[in-house]
N, C-alpha and C. Protein backbone atom coordinates (compact mmCIF):
# COMPACT_ATOMS: atom_id res chain seq x y z
N MET A 1 106.86 55.07 88.36
CA MET A 1 105.11 54.87 88.69
C MET A 1 104.84 56.18 88.38
N THR A 2 103.48 56.44 87.85
CA THR A 2 102.97 57.56 87.06
C THR A 2 102.52 58.64 88.24
N SER A 3 102.72 59.85 88.06
CA SER A 3 102.15 60.96 89.10
C SER A 3 100.82 60.78 88.41
N PHE A 4 100.11 60.87 88.62
CA PHE A 4 98.52 61.06 87.69
C PHE A 4 98.52 62.55 87.77
N PRO A 5 98.66 62.76 89.02
CA PRO A 5 97.89 64.47 89.20
C PRO A 5 98.84 65.36 88.34
N ALA A 6 100.09 65.00 88.05
CA ALA A 6 101.16 65.83 87.08
C ALA A 6 100.50 65.90 85.66
N VAL A 7 100.40 64.42 85.58
CA VAL A 7 99.83 64.25 84.11
C VAL A 7 98.82 65.12 83.67
N THR A 8 97.58 64.53 84.70
CA THR A 8 96.26 65.34 84.15
C THR A 8 96.82 67.02 84.50
N ASP A 9 97.56 67.37 85.48
CA ASP A 9 97.70 69.00 85.03
C ASP A 9 98.35 69.38 84.20
N ALA A 10 99.45 68.59 83.57
CA ALA A 10 100.08 68.90 82.07
C ALA A 10 99.14 68.86 81.11
N LEU A 11 98.29 68.18 81.01
CA LEU A 11 97.18 68.05 80.41
C LEU A 11 96.26 69.23 80.24
N ALA A 12 96.09 69.57 81.24
CA ALA A 12 94.84 70.81 81.49
C ALA A 12 95.70 72.25 80.94
N GLU A 13 96.95 72.09 81.74
CA GLU A 13 98.15 73.43 80.88
C GLU A 13 97.94 73.51 78.90
N THR A 14 98.10 72.43 78.14
CA THR A 14 98.02 72.29 77.18
C THR A 14 96.84 72.81 76.45
N GLY A 15 95.56 72.48 77.23
CA GLY A 15 93.95 72.66 76.82
C GLY A 15 93.72 71.41 75.80
N TYR A 16 94.13 70.26 76.47
CA TYR A 16 93.85 69.12 75.87
C TYR A 16 92.04 68.97 76.29
N GLN A 17 91.49 68.21 75.66
CA GLN A 17 89.58 67.99 76.11
C GLN A 17 89.69 66.96 75.20
N GLY A 18 90.23 65.90 74.88
CA GLY A 18 90.18 64.90 73.82
C GLY A 18 89.93 63.55 74.72
N PHE A 19 90.41 62.32 74.49
CA PHE A 19 89.82 61.19 74.85
C PHE A 19 90.84 60.66 75.37
N LEU A 20 91.00 60.11 76.88
CA LEU A 20 92.03 59.66 77.21
C LEU A 20 91.42 57.65 77.19
N THR A 21 92.18 57.11 77.80
CA THR A 21 92.34 55.77 77.49
C THR A 21 92.59 55.05 78.74
N PHE A 22 92.67 54.11 79.21
CA PHE A 22 93.02 53.16 80.10
C PHE A 22 93.10 51.73 79.90
N GLU A 23 94.96 51.20 79.64
CA GLU A 23 95.07 50.06 79.53
C GLU A 23 95.33 49.33 81.00
N TYR A 24 94.58 47.96 80.91
CA TYR A 24 95.08 47.32 82.13
C TYR A 24 95.09 45.99 82.01
N PHE A 25 95.80 45.29 82.95
CA PHE A 25 95.66 44.00 82.41
C PHE A 25 94.87 43.08 83.09
N TYR A 26 94.29 41.82 82.51
CA TYR A 26 92.87 41.50 83.14
C TYR A 26 93.16 40.69 84.16
N PRO A 27 92.71 41.17 85.60
CA PRO A 27 93.11 40.40 86.63
C PRO A 27 92.12 39.06 87.60
N TYR A 28 90.76 39.49 86.57
CA TYR A 28 89.47 39.15 87.27
C TYR A 28 89.07 37.43 86.46
N ALA A 29 89.84 36.37 86.38
CA ALA A 29 89.35 35.45 85.77
C ALA A 29 87.84 34.68 85.97
N HIS A 30 87.17 34.62 87.10
CA HIS A 30 86.40 34.46 87.21
C HIS A 30 84.98 35.23 87.55
N TYR A 31 85.64 36.57 87.14
CA TYR A 31 84.55 37.71 87.27
C TYR A 31 85.04 38.81 86.46
N PRO A 32 85.28 38.78 85.02
CA PRO A 32 85.70 39.84 84.12
C PRO A 32 85.09 41.11 83.67
N GLU A 33 83.65 41.19 84.59
CA GLU A 33 82.49 42.17 84.39
C GLU A 33 83.49 43.12 85.44
N ALA A 34 83.72 42.63 86.75
CA ALA A 34 84.62 43.27 87.88
C ALA A 34 85.40 44.45 87.04
N LEU A 35 86.47 43.86 86.54
CA LEU A 35 87.43 45.13 85.41
C LEU A 35 86.85 46.36 84.91
N ILE A 36 85.37 45.95 84.36
CA ILE A 36 84.83 47.55 84.37
C ILE A 36 84.54 48.44 85.21
N TRP A 37 84.43 47.80 86.36
CA TRP A 37 83.83 49.08 87.94
C TRP A 37 85.43 49.21 87.70
N GLN A 38 86.44 48.10 88.05
CA GLN A 38 87.71 48.87 88.45
C GLN A 38 88.18 50.01 87.04
N THR A 39 88.06 49.50 86.31
CA THR A 39 88.28 50.92 85.34
C THR A 39 87.67 51.87 85.49
N SER A 40 86.39 51.96 85.55
CA SER A 40 85.61 53.24 86.01
C SER A 40 86.31 54.10 87.26
N ASP A 41 86.48 53.12 88.51
CA ASP A 41 86.67 53.85 89.64
C ASP A 41 87.94 54.50 89.43
N SER A 42 89.29 53.72 89.04
CA SER A 42 90.44 54.19 88.51
C SER A 42 90.77 55.38 87.64
N MET A 43 89.77 55.76 87.10
CA MET A 43 89.63 56.85 85.76
C MET A 43 88.72 58.25 86.61
N ASP A 44 88.05 57.48 87.28
CA ASP A 44 87.62 58.80 88.29
C ASP A 44 88.53 59.12 89.33
N ARG A 45 89.39 58.25 89.59
CA ARG A 45 90.32 58.71 90.88
C ARG A 45 91.31 59.68 89.97
N ILE A 46 91.57 59.20 88.57
CA ILE A 46 93.03 59.93 87.98
C ILE A 46 92.63 61.33 87.57
N LEU A 47 90.76 61.53 87.44
CA LEU A 47 90.08 62.72 87.10
C LEU A 47 90.21 63.75 87.92
N GLY A 48 90.22 63.11 89.50
CA GLY A 48 89.97 63.78 90.44
C GLY A 48 88.62 63.69 90.44
N ARG A 49 87.89 63.08 90.02
CA ARG A 49 86.17 62.90 90.05
C ARG A 49 85.19 62.43 91.65
N GLN A 50 86.59 61.72 92.14
CA GLN A 50 86.72 60.56 93.28
C GLN A 50 88.05 60.81 94.09
N SER A 51 88.28 60.61 95.64
CA SER A 51 89.07 60.31 96.04
C SER A 51 89.02 59.16 96.70
């Protein structure tokens, strides 16, 4: 399991200011647009924008 706080701390320590990507499997057979909202929420949480 990935420790996202440790990863984001390491990125901050190096001064990284570039793009991040999120790879996700396709769990929504009937509502594919839900993936957009789930991915956005996950990235916000990983980056500390929401808890």
